Amino acid sequence: NYGSGKSDLARTYFRHRKRVDRHEIRH
């Protein structure tokens, strides 16, 4: 859900992967 920390987890552990985020695309 919103506020669960998805983006923080992605930045911390998965920077070596390409990231696709629909919310950011929308912005």
mmCIF file of all heavy atoms, coordinates in Angstrom:
data_MODEL
# 
_entry.id   MODEL 
# 
loop_
_atom_site.group_PDB 
_atom_site.id 
_atom_site.type_symbol 
_atom_site.label_atom_id 
_atom_site.label_alt_id 
_atom_site.label_comp_id 
_atom_site.label_asym_id 
_atom_site.label_entity_id 
_atom_site.label_seq_id 
_atom_site.pdbx_PDB_ins_code 
_atom_site.Cartn_x 
_atom_site.Cartn_y 
_atom_site.Cartn_z 
_atom_site.occupancy 
_atom_site.B_iso_or_equiv 
_atom_site.pdbx_formal_charge 
_atom_site.auth_seq_id 
_atom_site.auth_comp_id 
_atom_site.auth_asym_id 
_atom_site.auth_atom_id 
_atom_site.pdbx_PDB_model_num 
ATOM 1   N N   . ASN A 1 1  ? 0.839  -1.199  0.000   1.00 0.00 ? 1  ASN A N   1 
ATOM 2   C CA  . ASN A 1 1  ? 0.000  0.000   0.000   1.00 0.00 ? 1  ASN A CA  1 
ATOM 3   C C   . ASN A 1 1  ? 0.874  1.249   0.000   1.00 0.00 ? 1  ASN A C   1 
ATOM 4   O O   . ASN A 1 1  ? 2.083  1.188   0.211   1.00 0.00 ? 1  ASN A O   1 
ATOM 5   C CB  . ASN A 1 1  ? -0.903 0.000   1.234   1.00 0.00 ? 1  ASN A CB  1 
ATOM 6   C CG  . ASN A 1 1  ? -2.216 0.717   1.003   1.00 0.00 ? 1  ASN A CG  1 
ATOM 7   O OD1 . ASN A 1 1  ? -2.300 1.665   0.245   1.00 0.00 ? 1  ASN A OD1 1 
ATOM 8   N ND2 . ASN A 1 1  ? -3.249 0.250   1.682   1.00 0.00 ? 1  ASN A ND2 1 
ATOM 9   N N   . TYR A 1 2  ? 0.259  2.391   -0.247  1.00 0.00 ? 2  TYR A N   1 
ATOM 10  C CA  . TYR A 1 2  ? 0.979  3.655   -0.158  1.00 0.00 ? 2  TYR A CA  1 
ATOM 11  C C   . TYR A 1 2  ? 1.498  3.831   1.270   1.00 0.00 ? 2  TYR A C   1 
ATOM 12  O O   . TYR A 1 2  ? 0.785  3.596   2.234   1.00 0.00 ? 2  TYR A O   1 
ATOM 13  C CB  . TYR A 1 2  ? 0.053  4.819   -0.514  1.00 0.00 ? 2  TYR A CB  1 
ATOM 14  C CG  . TYR A 1 2  ? -0.424 4.807   -1.944  1.00 0.00 ? 2  TYR A CG  1 
ATOM 15  C CD1 . TYR A 1 2  ? -1.742 4.490   -2.247  1.00 0.00 ? 2  TYR A CD1 1 
ATOM 16  C CD2 . TYR A 1 2  ? 0.449  5.102   -2.985  1.00 0.00 ? 2  TYR A CD2 1 
ATOM 17  C CE1 . TYR A 1 2  ? -2.190 4.479   -3.566  1.00 0.00 ? 2  TYR A CE1 1 
ATOM 18  C CE2 . TYR A 1 2  ? 0.017  5.090   -4.305  1.00 0.00 ? 2  TYR A CE2 1 
ATOM 19  C CZ  . TYR A 1 2  ? -1.303 4.780   -4.588  1.00 0.00 ? 2  TYR A CZ  1 
ATOM 20  O OH  . TYR A 1 2  ? -1.740 4.766   -5.889  1.00 0.00 ? 2  TYR A OH  1 
ATOM 21  N N   . GLY A 1 3  ? 2.775  4.218   1.391   1.00 0.00 ? 3  GLY A N   1 
ATOM 22  C CA  . GLY A 1 3  ? 3.364  4.405   2.706   1.00 0.00 ? 3  GLY A CA  1 
ATOM 23  C C   . GLY A 1 3  ? 3.975  3.161   3.300   1.00 0.00 ? 3  GLY A C   1 
ATOM 24  O O   . GLY A 1 3  ? 4.405  3.164   4.457   1.00 0.00 ? 3  GLY A O   1 
ATOM 25  N N   . SER A 1 4  ? 4.046  2.078   2.527   1.00 0.00 ? 4  SER A N   1 
ATOM 26  C CA  . SER A 1 4  ? 4.601  0.824   3.063   1.00 0.00 ? 4  SER A CA  1 
ATOM 27  C C   . SER A 1 4  ? 6.129  0.762   2.950   1.00 0.00 ? 4  SER A C   1 
ATOM 28  O O   . SER A 1 4  ? 6.758  -0.082  3.582   1.00 0.00 ? 4  SER A O   1 
ATOM 29  C CB  . SER A 1 4  ? 3.992  -0.382  2.341   1.00 0.00 ? 4  SER A CB  1 
ATOM 30  O OG  . SER A 1 4  ? 4.261  -0.331  0.949   1.00 0.00 ? 4  SER A OG  1 
ATOM 31  N N   . GLY A 1 5  ? 6.724  1.636   2.143   1.00 0.00 ? 5  GLY A N   1 
ATOM 32  C CA  . GLY A 1 5  ? 8.185  1.665   2.039   1.00 0.00 ? 5  GLY A CA  1 
ATOM 33  C C   . GLY A 1 5  ? 8.750  0.967   0.814   1.00 0.00 ? 5  GLY A C   1 
ATOM 34  O O   . GLY A 1 5  ? 9.916  0.564   0.826   1.00 0.00 ? 5  GLY A O   1 
ATOM 35  N N   . LYS A 1 6  ? 7.969  0.839   -0.235  1.00 0.00 ? 6  LYS A N   1 
ATOM 36  C CA  . LYS A 1 6  ? 8.426  0.135   -1.441  1.00 0.00 ? 6  LYS A CA  1 
ATOM 37  C C   . LYS A 1 6  ? 9.637  0.808   -2.071  1.00 0.00 ? 6  LYS A C   1 
ATOM 38  O O   . LYS A 1 6  ? 10.626 0.149   -2.408  1.00 0.00 ? 6  LYS A O   1 
ATOM 39  C CB  . LYS A 1 6  ? 7.288  0.056   -2.468  1.00 0.00 ? 6  LYS A CB  1 
ATOM 40  C CG  . LYS A 1 6  ? 6.071  -0.707  -2.006  1.00 0.00 ? 6  LYS A CG  1 
ATOM 41  C CD  . LYS A 1 6  ? 5.035  -0.856  -3.106  1.00 0.00 ? 6  LYS A CD  1 
ATOM 42  C CE  . LYS A 1 6  ? 4.518  0.477   -3.595  1.00 0.00 ? 6  LYS A CE  1 
ATOM 43  N NZ  . LYS A 1 6  ? 3.792  1.231   -2.540  1.00 0.00 ? 6  LYS A NZ  1 
ATOM 44  N N   . SER A 1 7  ? 9.566  2.122   -2.226  1.00 0.00 ? 7  SER A N   1 
ATOM 45  C CA  . SER A 1 7  ? 10.657 2.846   -2.878  1.00 0.00 ? 7  SER A CA  1 
ATOM 46  C C   . SER A 1 7  ? 11.932 2.797   -2.051  1.00 0.00 ? 7  SER A C   1 
ATOM 47  O O   . SER A 1 7  ? 13.040 2.677   -2.595  1.00 0.00 ? 7  SER A O   1 
ATOM 48  C CB  . SER A 1 7  ? 10.250 4.301   -3.140  1.00 0.00 ? 7  SER A CB  1 
ATOM 49  O OG  . SER A 1 7  ? 9.162  4.361   -4.050  1.00 0.00 ? 7  SER A OG  1 
ATOM 50  N N   . ASP A 1 8  ? 11.798 2.887   -0.732  1.00 0.00 ? 8  ASP A N   1 
ATOM 51  C CA  . ASP A 1 8  ? 12.971 2.803   0.138   1.00 0.00 ? 8  ASP A CA  1 
ATOM 52  C C   . ASP A 1 8  ? 13.641 1.442   0.022   1.00 0.00 ? 8  ASP A C   1 
ATOM 53  O O   . ASP A 1 8  ? 14.874 1.336   -0.046  1.00 0.00 ? 8  ASP A O   1 
ATOM 54  C CB  . ASP A 1 8  ? 12.572 3.059   1.600   1.00 0.00 ? 8  ASP A CB  1 
ATOM 55  C CG  . ASP A 1 8  ? 12.218 4.512   1.862   1.00 0.00 ? 8  ASP A CG  1 
ATOM 56  O OD1 . ASP A 1 8  ? 12.645 5.377   1.064   1.00 0.00 ? 8  ASP A OD1 1 
ATOM 57  O OD2 . ASP A 1 8  ? 11.524 4.781   2.853   1.00 0.00 ? 8  ASP A OD2 1 
ATOM 58  N N   . LEU A 1 9  ? 12.840 0.382   -0.005  1.00 0.00 ? 9  LEU A N   1 
ATOM 59  C CA  . LEU A 1 9  ? 13.388 -0.963  -0.151  1.00 0.00 ? 9  LEU A CA  1 
ATOM 60  C C   . LEU A 1 9  ? 14.091 -1.109  -1.497  1.00 0.00 ? 9  LEU A C   1 
ATOM 61  O O   . LEU A 1 9  ? 15.180 -1.685  -1.581  1.00 0.00 ? 9  LEU A O   1 
ATOM 62  C CB  . LEU A 1 9  ? 12.277 -2.004  -0.030  1.00 0.00 ? 9  LEU A CB  1 
ATOM 63  C CG  . LEU A 1 9  ? 12.726 -3.460  -0.107  1.00 0.00 ? 9  LEU A CG  1 
ATOM 64  C CD1 . LEU A 1 9  ? 13.482 -3.848  1.155   1.00 0.00 ? 9  LEU A CD1 1 
ATOM 65  C CD2 . LEU A 1 9  ? 11.545 -4.392  -0.312  1.00 0.00 ? 9  LEU A CD2 1 
ATOM 66  N N   . ALA A 1 10 ? 13.486 -0.571  -2.531  1.00 0.00 ? 10 ALA A N   1 
ATOM 67  C CA  . ALA A 1 10 ? 14.072 -0.657  -3.867  1.00 0.00 ? 10 ALA A CA  1 
ATOM 68  C C   . ALA A 1 10 ? 15.429 0.038   -3.912  1.00 0.00 ? 10 ALA A C   1 
ATOM 69  O O   . ALA A 1 10 ? 16.400 -0.498  -4.469  1.00 0.00 ? 10 ALA A O   1 
ATOM 70  C CB  . ALA A 1 10 ? 13.132 -0.032  -4.893  1.00 0.00 ? 10 ALA A CB  1 
ATOM 71  N N   . ARG A 1 11 ? 15.500 1.229   -3.343  1.00 0.00 ? 11 ARG A N   1 
ATOM 72  C CA  . ARG A 1 11 ? 16.764 1.973   -3.348  1.00 0.00 ? 11 ARG A CA  1 
ATOM 73  C C   . ARG A 1 11 ? 17.837 1.291   -2.524  1.00 0.00 ? 11 ARG A C   1 
ATOM 74  O O   . ARG A 1 11 ? 19.018 1.326   -2.863  1.00 0.00 ? 11 ARG A O   1 
ATOM 75  C CB  . ARG A 1 11 ? 16.532 3.397   -2.825  1.00 0.00 ? 11 ARG A CB  1 
ATOM 76  C CG  . ARG A 1 11 ? 15.899 4.334   -3.822  1.00 0.00 ? 11 ARG A CG  1 
ATOM 77  C CD  . ARG A 1 11 ? 15.946 5.769   -3.322  1.00 0.00 ? 11 ARG A CD  1 
ATOM 78  N NE  . ARG A 1 11 ? 15.133 5.943   -2.123  1.00 0.00 ? 11 ARG A NE  1 
ATOM 79  C CZ  . ARG A 1 11 ? 13.862 6.337   -2.143  1.00 0.00 ? 11 ARG A CZ  1 
ATOM 80  N NH1 . ARG A 1 11 ? 13.269 6.571   -3.296  1.00 0.00 ? 11 ARG A NH1 1 
ATOM 81  N NH2 . ARG A 1 11 ? 13.184 6.493   -1.020  1.00 0.00 ? 11 ARG A NH2 1 
ATOM 82  N N   . THR A 1 12 ? 17.422 0.665   -1.432  1.00 0.00 ? 12 THR A N   1 
ATOM 83  C CA  . THR A 1 12 ? 18.399 0.070   -0.513  1.00 0.00 ? 12 THR A CA  1 
ATOM 84  C C   . THR A 1 12 ? 18.977 -1.245  -1.029  1.00 0.00 ? 12 THR A C   1 
ATOM 85  O O   . THR A 1 12 ? 20.176 -1.485  -0.912  1.00 0.00 ? 12 THR A O   1 
ATOM 86  C CB  . THR A 1 12 ? 17.740 -0.176  0.859   1.00 0.00 ? 12 THR A CB  1 
ATOM 87  O OG1 . THR A 1 12 ? 17.236 1.068   1.360   1.00 0.00 ? 12 THR A OG1 1 
ATOM 88  C CG2 . THR A 1 12 ? 18.747 -0.750  1.851   1.00 0.00 ? 12 THR A CG2 1 
ATOM 89  N N   . TYR A 1 13 ? 18.125 -2.092  -1.619  1.00 0.00 ? 13 TYR A N   1 
ATOM 90  C CA  . TYR A 1 13 ? 18.554 -3.444  -1.953  1.00 0.00 ? 13 TYR A CA  1 
ATOM 91  C C   . TYR A 1 13 ? 18.610 -3.764  -3.443  1.00 0.00 ? 13 TYR A C   1 
ATOM 92  O O   . TYR A 1 13 ? 19.212 -4.776  -3.825  1.00 0.00 ? 13 TYR A O   1 
ATOM 93  C CB  . TYR A 1 13 ? 17.619 -4.466  -1.290  1.00 0.00 ? 13 TYR A CB  1 
ATOM 94  C CG  . TYR A 1 13 ? 17.698 -4.476  0.210   1.00 0.00 ? 13 TYR A CG  1 
ATOM 95  C CD1 . TYR A 1 13 ? 16.724 -3.844  0.977   1.00 0.00 ? 13 TYR A CD1 1 
ATOM 96  C CD2 . TYR A 1 13 ? 18.752 -5.106  0.880   1.00 0.00 ? 13 TYR A CD2 1 
ATOM 97  C CE1 . TYR A 1 13 ? 16.782 -3.848  2.357   1.00 0.00 ? 13 TYR A CE1 1 
ATOM 98  C CE2 . TYR A 1 13 ? 18.824 -5.115  2.260   1.00 0.00 ? 13 TYR A CE2 1 
ATOM 99  C CZ  . TYR A 1 13 ? 17.832 -4.476  2.996   1.00 0.00 ? 13 TYR A CZ  1 
ATOM 100 O OH  . TYR A 1 13 ? 17.899 -4.481  4.357   1.00 0.00 ? 13 TYR A OH  1 
ATOM 101 N N   . PHE A 1 14 ? 17.993 -2.958  -4.284  1.00 0.00 ? 14 PHE A N   1 
ATOM 102 C CA  . PHE A 1 14 ? 17.856 -3.371  -5.681  1.00 0.00 ? 14 PHE A CA  1 
ATOM 103 C C   . PHE A 1 14 ? 18.342 -2.335  -6.693  1.00 0.00 ? 14 PHE A C   1 
ATOM 104 O O   . PHE A 1 14 ? 17.848 -2.282  -7.818  1.00 0.00 ? 14 PHE A O   1 
ATOM 105 C CB  . PHE A 1 14 ? 16.388 -3.722  -5.966  1.00 0.00 ? 14 PHE A CB  1 
ATOM 106 C CG  . PHE A 1 14 ? 15.866 -4.865  -5.146  1.00 0.00 ? 14 PHE A CG  1 
ATOM 107 C CD1 . PHE A 1 14 ? 15.050 -4.624  -4.051  1.00 0.00 ? 14 PHE A CD1 1 
ATOM 108 C CD2 . PHE A 1 14 ? 16.210 -6.176  -5.456  1.00 0.00 ? 14 PHE A CD2 1 
ATOM 109 C CE1 . PHE A 1 14 ? 14.568 -5.682  -3.281  1.00 0.00 ? 14 PHE A CE1 1 
ATOM 110 C CE2 . PHE A 1 14 ? 15.731 -7.233  -4.700  1.00 0.00 ? 14 PHE A CE2 1 
ATOM 111 C CZ  . PHE A 1 14 ? 14.915 -6.991  -3.611  1.00 0.00 ? 14 PHE A CZ  1 
ATOM 112 N N   . ARG A 1 15 ? 19.316 -1.544  -6.309  1.00 0.00 ? 15 ARG A N   1 
ATOM 113 C CA  . ARG A 1 15 ? 19.832 -0.526  -7.234  1.00 0.00 ? 15 ARG A CA  1 
ATOM 114 C C   . ARG A 1 15 ? 20.504 -1.139  -8.466  1.00 0.00 ? 15 ARG A C   1 
ATOM 115 O O   . ARG A 1 15 ? 20.685 -0.462  -9.475  1.00 0.00 ? 15 ARG A O   1 
ATOM 116 C CB  . ARG A 1 15 ? 20.828 0.387   -6.517  1.00 0.00 ? 15 ARG A CB  1 
ATOM 117 C CG  . ARG A 1 15 ? 20.166 1.459   -5.661  1.00 0.00 ? 15 ARG A CG  1 
ATOM 118 C CD  . ARG A 1 15 ? 21.192 2.416   -5.090  1.00 0.00 ? 15 ARG A CD  1 
ATOM 119 N NE  . ARG A 1 15 ? 20.557 3.518   -4.394  1.00 0.00 ? 15 ARG A NE  1 
ATOM 120 C CZ  . ARG A 1 15 ? 20.176 4.650   -4.971  1.00 0.00 ? 15 ARG A CZ  1 
ATOM 121 N NH1 . ARG A 1 15 ? 20.358 4.815   -6.260  1.00 0.00 ? 15 ARG A NH1 1 
ATOM 122 N NH2 . ARG A 1 15 ? 19.615 5.618   -4.263  1.00 0.00 ? 15 ARG A NH2 1 
ATOM 123 N N   . HIS A 1 16 ? 20.886 -2.401  -8.368  1.00 0.00 ? 16 HIS A N   1 
ATOM 124 C CA  . HIS A 1 16 ? 21.552 -3.051  -9.505  1.00 0.00 ? 16 HIS A CA  1 
ATOM 125 C C   . HIS A 1 16 ? 20.559 -3.479  -10.578 1.00 0.00 ? 16 HIS A C   1 
ATOM 126 O O   . HIS A 1 16 ? 20.967 -3.946  -11.644 1.00 0.00 ? 16 HIS A O   1 
ATOM 127 C CB  . HIS A 1 16 ? 22.333 -4.272  -9.016  1.00 0.00 ? 16 HIS A CB  1 
ATOM 128 C CG  . HIS A 1 16 ? 21.500 -5.280  -8.286  1.00 0.00 ? 16 HIS A CG  1 
ATOM 129 N ND1 . HIS A 1 16 ? 20.957 -5.046  -7.044  1.00 0.00 ? 16 HIS A ND1 1 
ATOM 130 C CD2 . HIS A 1 16 ? 21.102 -6.534  -8.635  1.00 0.00 ? 16 HIS A CD2 1 
ATOM 131 C CE1 . HIS A 1 16 ? 20.278 -6.105  -6.648  1.00 0.00 ? 16 HIS A CE1 1 
ATOM 132 N NE2 . HIS A 1 16 ? 20.341 -7.030  -7.600  1.00 0.00 ? 16 HIS A NE2 1 
ATOM 133 N N   . ARG A 1 17 ? 19.261 -3.306  -10.323 1.00 0.00 ? 17 ARG A N   1 
ATOM 134 C CA  . ARG A 1 17 ? 18.234 -3.667  -11.304 1.00 0.00 ? 17 ARG A CA  1 
ATOM 135 C C   . ARG A 1 17 ? 17.634 -2.412  -11.939 1.00 0.00 ? 17 ARG A C   1 
ATOM 136 O O   . ARG A 1 17 ? 17.603 -1.347  -11.324 1.00 0.00 ? 17 ARG A O   1 
ATOM 137 C CB  . ARG A 1 17 ? 17.097 -4.460  -10.642 1.00 0.00 ? 17 ARG A CB  1 
ATOM 138 C CG  . ARG A 1 17 ? 17.462 -5.871  -10.233 1.00 0.00 ? 17 ARG A CG  1 
ATOM 139 C CD  . ARG A 1 17 ? 16.314 -6.539  -9.507  1.00 0.00 ? 17 ARG A CD  1 
ATOM 140 N NE  . ARG A 1 17 ? 16.625 -7.925  -9.198  1.00 0.00 ? 17 ARG A NE  1 
ATOM 141 C CZ  . ARG A 1 17 ? 16.258 -8.965  -9.931  1.00 0.00 ? 17 ARG A CZ  1 
ATOM 142 N NH1 . ARG A 1 17 ? 15.519 -8.766  -11.025 1.00 0.00 ? 17 ARG A NH1 1 
ATOM 143 N NH2 . ARG A 1 17 ? 16.587 -10.187 -9.598  1.00 0.00 ? 17 ARG A NH2 1 
ATOM 144 N N   . LYS A 1 18 ? 17.128 -2.565  -13.153 1.00 0.00 ? 18 LYS A N   1 
ATOM 145 C CA  . LYS A 1 18 ? 16.349 -1.500  -13.761 1.00 0.00 ? 18 LYS A CA  1 
ATOM 146 C C   . LYS A 1 18 ? 14.991 -1.461  -13.070 1.00 0.00 ? 18 LYS A C   1 
ATOM 147 O O   . LYS A 1 18 ? 14.393 -2.499  -12.813 1.00 0.00 ? 18 LYS A O   1 
ATOM 148 C CB  . LYS A 1 18 ? 16.169 -1.749  -15.264 1.00 0.00 ? 18 LYS A CB  1 
ATOM 149 C CG  . LYS A 1 18 ? 17.466 -1.693  -16.054 1.00 0.00 ? 18 LYS A CG  1 
ATOM 150 C CD  . LYS A 1 18 ? 18.104 -0.312  -15.987 1.00 0.00 ? 18 LYS A CD  1 
ATOM 151 C CE  . LYS A 1 18 ? 19.351 -0.251  -16.857 1.00 0.00 ? 18 LYS A CE  1 
ATOM 152 N NZ  . LYS A 1 18 ? 20.032 1.069   -16.779 1.00 0.00 ? 18 LYS A NZ  1 
ATOM 153 N N   . ARG A 1 19 ? 14.507 -0.270  -12.804 1.00 0.00 ? 19 ARG A N   1 
ATOM 154 C CA  . ARG A 1 19 ? 13.281 -0.105  -12.023 1.00 0.00 ? 19 ARG A CA  1 
ATOM 155 C C   . ARG A 1 19 ? 12.178 0.526   -12.859 1.00 0.00 ? 19 ARG A C   1 
ATOM 156 O O   . ARG A 1 19 ? 12.411 1.500   -13.576 1.00 0.00 ? 19 ARG A O   1 
ATOM 157 C CB  . ARG A 1 19 ? 13.562 0.759   -10.796 1.00 0.00 ? 19 ARG A CB  1 
ATOM 158 C CG  . ARG A 1 19 ? 12.346 1.102   -9.951  1.00 0.00 ? 19 ARG A CG  1 
ATOM 159 C CD  . ARG A 1 19 ? 12.804 1.769   -8.660  1.00 0.00 ? 19 ARG A CD  1 
ATOM 160 N NE  . ARG A 1 19 ? 11.685 2.332   -7.910  1.00 0.00 ? 19 ARG A NE  1 
ATOM 161 C CZ  . ARG A 1 19 ? 11.323 3.608   -7.949  1.00 0.00 ? 19 ARG A CZ  1 
ATOM 162 N NH1 . ARG A 1 19 ? 12.006 4.452   -8.696  1.00 0.00 ? 19 ARG A NH1 1 
ATOM 163 N NH2 . ARG A 1 19 ? 10.298 4.035   -7.241  1.00 0.00 ? 19 ARG A NH2 1 
ATOM 164 N N   . VAL A 1 20 ? 10.974 -0.028  -12.751 1.00 0.00 ? 20 VAL A N   1 
ATOM 165 C CA  . VAL A 1 20 ? 9.798  0.528   -13.408 1.00 0.00 ? 20 VAL A CA  1 
ATOM 166 C C   . VAL A 1 20 ? 8.749  0.798   -12.328 1.00 0.00 ? 20 VAL A C   1 
ATOM 167 O O   . VAL A 1 20 ? 8.380  -0.114  -11.588 1.00 0.00 ? 20 VAL A O   1 
ATOM 168 C CB  . VAL A 1 20 ? 9.227  -0.428  -14.477 1.00 0.00 ? 20 VAL A CB  1 
ATOM 169 C CG1 . VAL A 1 20 ? 7.943  0.151   -15.069 1.00 0.00 ? 20 VAL A CG1 1 
ATOM 170 C CG2 . VAL A 1 20 ? 10.254 -0.679  -15.574 1.00 0.00 ? 20 VAL A CG2 1 
ATOM 171 N N   . ASP A 1 21 ? 8.290  2.042   -12.256 1.00 0.00 ? 21 ASP A N   1 
ATOM 172 C CA  . ASP A 1 21 ? 7.351  2.454   -11.215 1.00 0.00 ? 21 ASP A CA  1 
ATOM 173 C C   . ASP A 1 21 ? 6.221  3.242   -11.879 1.00 0.00 ? 21 ASP A C   1 
ATOM 174 O O   . ASP A 1 21 ? 6.423  4.352   -12.360 1.00 0.00 ? 21 ASP A O   1 
ATOM 175 C CB  . ASP A 1 21 ? 8.075  3.326   -10.188 1.00 0.00 ? 21 ASP A CB  1 
ATOM 176 C CG  . ASP A 1 21 ? 7.180  3.749   -9.030  1.00 0.00 ? 21 ASP A CG  1 
ATOM 177 O OD1 . ASP A 1 21 ? 5.951  3.840   -9.222  1.00 0.00 ? 21 ASP A OD1 1 
ATOM 178 O OD2 . ASP A 1 21 ? 7.715  3.997   -7.935  1.00 0.00 ? 21 ASP A OD2 1 
ATOM 179 N N   . ARG A 1 22 ? 5.030  2.656   -11.920 1.00 0.00 ? 22 ARG A N   1 
ATOM 180 C CA  . ARG A 1 22 ? 3.894  3.308   -12.584 1.00 0.00 ? 22 ARG A CA  1 
ATOM 181 C C   . ARG A 1 22 ? 3.557  4.655   -11.946 1.00 0.00 ? 22 ARG A C   1 
ATOM 182 O O   . ARG A 1 22 ? 3.188  5.609   -12.639 1.00 0.00 ? 22 ARG A O   1 
ATOM 183 C CB  . ARG A 1 22 ? 2.672  2.402   -12.552 1.00 0.00 ? 22 ARG A CB  1 
ATOM 184 C CG  . ARG A 1 22 ? 1.503  2.943   -13.384 1.00 0.00 ? 22 ARG A CG  1 
ATOM 185 C CD  . ARG A 1 22 ? 0.241  2.158   -13.134 1.00 0.00 ? 22 ARG A CD  1 
ATOM 186 N NE  . ARG A 1 22 ? 0.401  0.732   -13.411 1.00 0.00 ? 22 ARG A NE  1 
ATOM 187 C CZ  . ARG A 1 22 ? -0.521 -0.185  -13.114 1.00 0.00 ? 22 ARG A CZ  1 
ATOM 188 N NH1 . ARG A 1 22 ? -1.648 0.193   -12.525 1.00 0.00 ? 22 ARG A NH1 1 
ATOM 189 N NH2 . ARG A 1 22 ? -0.312 -1.461  -13.376 1.00 0.00 ? 22 ARG A NH2 1 
ATOM 190 N N   . HIS A 1 23 ? 3.680  4.736   -10.629 1.00 0.00 ? 23 HIS A N   1 
ATOM 191 C CA  . HIS A 1 23 ? 3.363  5.975   -9.929  1.00 0.00 ? 23 HIS A CA  1 
ATOM 192 C C   . HIS A 1 23 ? 4.278  7.107   -10.396 1.00 0.00 ? 23 HIS A C   1 
ATOM 193 O O   . HIS A 1 23 ? 3.830  8.241   -10.628 1.00 0.00 ? 23 HIS A O   1 
ATOM 194 C CB  . HIS A 1 23 ? 3.494  5.766   -8.420  1.00 0.00 ? 23 HIS A CB  1 
ATOM 195 C CG  . HIS A 1 23 ? 2.945  6.879   -7.589  1.00 0.00 ? 23 HIS A CG  1 
ATOM 196 N ND1 . HIS A 1 23 ? 1.614  7.217   -7.581  1.00 0.00 ? 23 HIS A ND1 1 
ATOM 197 C CD2 . HIS A 1 23 ? 3.557  7.752   -6.743  1.00 0.00 ? 23 HIS A CD2 1 
ATOM 198 C CE1 . HIS A 1 23 ? 1.409  8.241   -6.763  1.00 0.00 ? 23 HIS A CE1 1 
ATOM 199 N NE2 . HIS A 1 23 ? 2.577  8.584   -6.243  1.00 0.00 ? 23 HIS A NE2 1 
ATOM 200 N N   . GLU A 1 24 ? 5.565  6.815   -10.552 1.00 0.00 ? 24 GLU A N   1 
ATOM 201 C CA  . GLU A 1 24 ? 6.504  7.838   -10.991 1.00 0.00 ? 24 GLU A CA  1 
ATOM 202 C C   . GLU A 1 24 ? 6.285  8.189   -12.462 1.00 0.00 ? 24 GLU A C   1 
ATOM 203 O O   . GLU A 1 24 ? 6.458  9.347   -12.864 1.00 0.00 ? 24 GLU A O   1 
ATOM 204 C CB  . GLU A 1 24 ? 7.947  7.376   -10.751 1.00 0.00 ? 24 GLU A CB  1 
ATOM 205 C CG  . GLU A 1 24 ? 8.312  7.350   -9.287  1.00 0.00 ? 24 GLU A CG  1 
ATOM 206 C CD  . GLU A 1 24 ? 9.806  7.211   -9.053  1.00 0.00 ? 24 GLU A CD  1 
ATOM 207 O OE1 . GLU A 1 24 ? 10.580 7.442   -10.011 1.00 0.00 ? 24 GLU A OE1 1 
ATOM 208 O OE2 . GLU A 1 24 ? 10.194 6.871   -7.927  1.00 0.00 ? 24 GLU A OE2 1 
ATOM 209 N N   . ILE A 1 25 ? 5.927  7.199   -13.272 1.00 0.00 ? 25 ILE A N   1 
ATOM 210 C CA  . ILE A 1 25 ? 5.599  7.479   -14.678 1.00 0.00 ? 25 ILE A CA  1 
ATOM 211 C C   . ILE A 1 25 ? 4.453  8.481   -14.734 1.00 0.00 ? 25 ILE A C   1 
ATOM 212 O O   . ILE A 1 25 ? 4.462  9.437   -15.515 1.00 0.00 ? 25 ILE A O   1 
ATOM 213 C CB  . ILE A 1 25 ? 5.210  6.189   -15.430 1.00 0.00 ? 25 ILE A CB  1 
ATOM 214 C CG1 . ILE A 1 25 ? 6.394  5.229   -15.504 1.00 0.00 ? 25 ILE A CG1 1 
ATOM 215 C CG2 . ILE A 1 25 ? 4.726  6.522   -16.840 1.00 0.00 ? 25 ILE A CG2 1 
ATOM 216 C CD1 . ILE A 1 25 ? 6.050  3.871   -16.083 1.00 0.00 ? 25 ILE A CD1 1 
ATOM 217 N N   . ARG A 1 26 ? 3.457  8.267   -13.885 1.00 0.00 ? 26 ARG A N   1 
ATOM 218 C CA  . ARG A 1 26 ? 2.285  9.150   -13.842 1.00 0.00 ? 26 ARG A CA  1 
ATOM 219 C C   . ARG A 1 26 ? 2.696  10.582  -13.494 1.00 0.00 ? 26 ARG A C   1 
ATOM 220 O O   . ARG A 1 26 ? 2.234  11.552  -14.111 1.00 0.00 ? 26 ARG A O   1 
ATOM 221 C CB  . ARG A 1 26 ? 1.283  8.608   -12.835 1.00 0.00 ? 26 ARG A CB  1 
ATOM 222 C CG  . ARG A 1 26 ? -0.035 9.346   -12.797 1.00 0.00 ? 26 ARG A CG  1 
ATOM 223 C CD  . ARG A 1 26 ? -0.984 8.736   -11.775 1.00 0.00 ? 26 ARG A CD  1 
ATOM 224 N NE  . ARG A 1 26 ? -1.427 7.404   -12.165 1.00 0.00 ? 26 ARG A NE  1 
ATOM 225 C CZ  . ARG A 1 26 ? -1.114 6.285   -11.525 1.00 0.00 ? 26 ARG A CZ  1 
ATOM 226 N NH1 . ARG A 1 26 ? -0.324 6.335   -10.448 1.00 0.00 ? 26 ARG A NH1 1 
ATOM 227 N NH2 . ARG A 1 26 ? -1.568 5.113   -11.924 1.00 0.00 ? 26 ARG A NH2 1 
ATOM 228 N N   . HIS A 1 27 ? 3.570  10.721  -12.498 1.00 0.00 ? 27 HIS A N   1 
ATOM 229 C CA  . HIS A 1 27 ? 4.029  12.053  -12.091 1.00 0.00 ? 27 HIS A CA  1 
ATOM 230 C C   . HIS A 1 27 ? 4.814  12.736  -13.209 1.00 0.00 ? 27 HIS A C   1 
ATOM 231 O O   . HIS A 1 27 ? 4.588  13.914  -13.524 1.00 0.00 ? 27 HIS A O   1 
ATOM 232 C CB  . HIS A 1 27 ? 4.890  11.953  -10.828 1.00 0.00 ? 27 HIS A CB  1 
ATOM 233 C CG  . HIS A 1 27 ? 4.091  11.878  -9.567  1.00 0.00 ? 27 HIS A CG  1 
ATOM 234 N ND1 . HIS A 1 27 ? 3.678  13.000  -8.866  1.00 0.00 ? 27 HIS A ND1 1 
ATOM 235 C CD2 . HIS A 1 27 ? 3.608  10.818  -8.873  1.00 0.00 ? 27 HIS A CD2 1 
ATOM 236 C CE1 . HIS A 1 27 ? 2.989  12.631  -7.807  1.00 0.00 ? 27 HIS A CE1 1 
ATOM 237 N NE2 . HIS A 1 27 ? 2.934  11.312  -7.778  1.00 0.00 ? 27 HIS A NE2 1 
# 
